[in-house]
Amino acid sequence: MNILQNQNDCFDWIQQNKKLSCEITKIHQAGKVNKNGLPVTRESKAIEDIMTSPKYNENPVPVYFWPYNKPGMEPIIYD
């Protein structure tokens, strides 16, 4: 596997392959959850900002919220 070290490597890789999909298929966000296992207010507002943005509405994809203060908790998925 080739690991790209910098932007020039990325540019070279694109030039060599001439095909690179920049389509977003999902969004990941990490943050805190409260005692009930729901995102805290600032995280909920951030998710809402993402899901109500014009760019998101052009290509709606699932948002995966990963709680970092509850180890082992599965992501909360917003569709």
Protein backbone atom coordinates (compact mmCIF):
# COMPACT_ATOMS: atom_id res chain seq x y z
CA MET A 1 0.00 0.00 0.00
CA ASN A 2 1.32 3.42 -0.94
CA ILE A 3 1.09 5.99 1.85
CA LEU A 4 0.89 9.57 0.64
CA GLN A 5 3.36 11.71 2.56
CA ASN A 6 2.33 15.20 1.42
CA GLN A 7 0.21 17.17 -1.03
CA ASN A 8 2.71 16.69 -3.85
CA ASP A 9 2.46 12.91 -3.44
CA CYS A 10 -1.33 13.21 -3.57
CA PHE A 11 -1.15 15.31 -6.73
CA ASP A 12 1.26 12.82 -8.30
CA TRP A 13 -1.03 9.93 -7.36
CA ILE A 14 -4.02 11.69 -8.94
CA GLN A 15 -2.06 12.44 -12.09
CA GLN A 16 -0.97 8.81 -12.36
CA ASN A 17 -4.42 7.35 -11.74
CA LYS A 18 -6.58 10.03 -13.37
CA LYS A 19 -9.50 8.83 -11.30
CA LEU A 20 -10.35 9.90 -7.79
CA SER A 21 -13.82 9.86 -6.33
CA CYS A 22 -14.45 12.74 -3.95
CA GLU A 23 -18.00 11.66 -3.22
CA ILE A 24 -18.85 11.85 0.47
CA THR A 25 -20.61 8.67 1.59
CA LYS A 26 -20.79 9.31 5.34
CA ILE A 27 -19.77 11.89 7.93
CA HIS A 28 -18.08 11.09 11.24
CA GLN A 29 -18.20 13.30 14.31
CA ALA A 30 -16.74 12.59 17.73
CA GLY A 31 -17.91 14.19 20.95
CA LYS A 32 -19.33 13.77 24.44
CA VAL A 33 -22.58 12.14 25.46
CA ASN A 34 -24.57 12.79 28.64
CA LYS A 35 -25.55 10.22 31.27
CA ASN A 36 -28.51 9.16 29.11
CA GLY A 37 -26.17 8.32 26.22
CA LEU A 38 -27.28 11.23 24.04
CA PRO A 39 -24.94 13.86 22.57
CA VAL A 40 -24.50 16.91 24.82
CA THR A 41 -26.08 20.17 23.64
CA ARG A 42 -23.08 21.51 21.70
CA GLU A 43 -22.71 18.20 19.85
CA SER A 44 -26.43 18.09 19.02
CA LYS A 45 -26.23 21.63 17.64
CA ALA A 46 -23.18 20.69 15.55
CA ILE A 47 -25.02 17.69 14.10
CA GLU A 48 -28.04 19.89 13.38
CA ASP A 49 -25.79 22.45 11.65
CA ILE A 50 -24.35 19.70 9.45
CA MET A 51 -27.73 18.22 8.56
CA THR A 52 -29.36 21.58 7.75
CA SER A 53 -26.50 22.95 5.66
CA PRO A 54 -27.14 23.50 1.93
CA LYS A 55 -24.18 21.29 0.98
CA TYR A 56 -25.55 18.43 3.09
CA ASN A 57 -28.98 18.77 1.49
CA GLU A 58 -27.36 18.39 -1.95
CA ASN A 59 -25.99 14.99 -0.92
CA PRO A 60 -27.55 13.72 2.33
CA VAL A 61 -25.49 10.94 3.90
CA PRO A 62 -25.52 9.30 7.34
CA VAL A 63 -23.80 11.14 10.20
CA TYR A 64 -21.97 8.79 12.59
CA PHE A 65 -21.56 10.28 16.06
CA TRP A 66 -18.80 8.57 18.06
CA PRO A 67 -18.91 9.20 21.83
CA TYR A 68 -15.40 9.50 23.18
CA ASN A 69 -16.36 9.62 26.84
CA LYS A 70 -18.16 6.23 26.82
CA PRO A 71 -15.61 3.61 25.71
CA GLY A 72 -17.16 0.72 23.82
CA MET A 73 -20.38 2.58 22.98
CA GLU A 74 -21.52 2.07 19.40
CA PRO A 75 -21.91 5.15 17.19
CA ILE A 76 -25.23 6.96 17.04
CA ILE A 77 -26.24 7.11 13.37
CA TYR A 78 -28.35 9.95 12.02
CA ASP A 79 -29.95 9.45 8.60
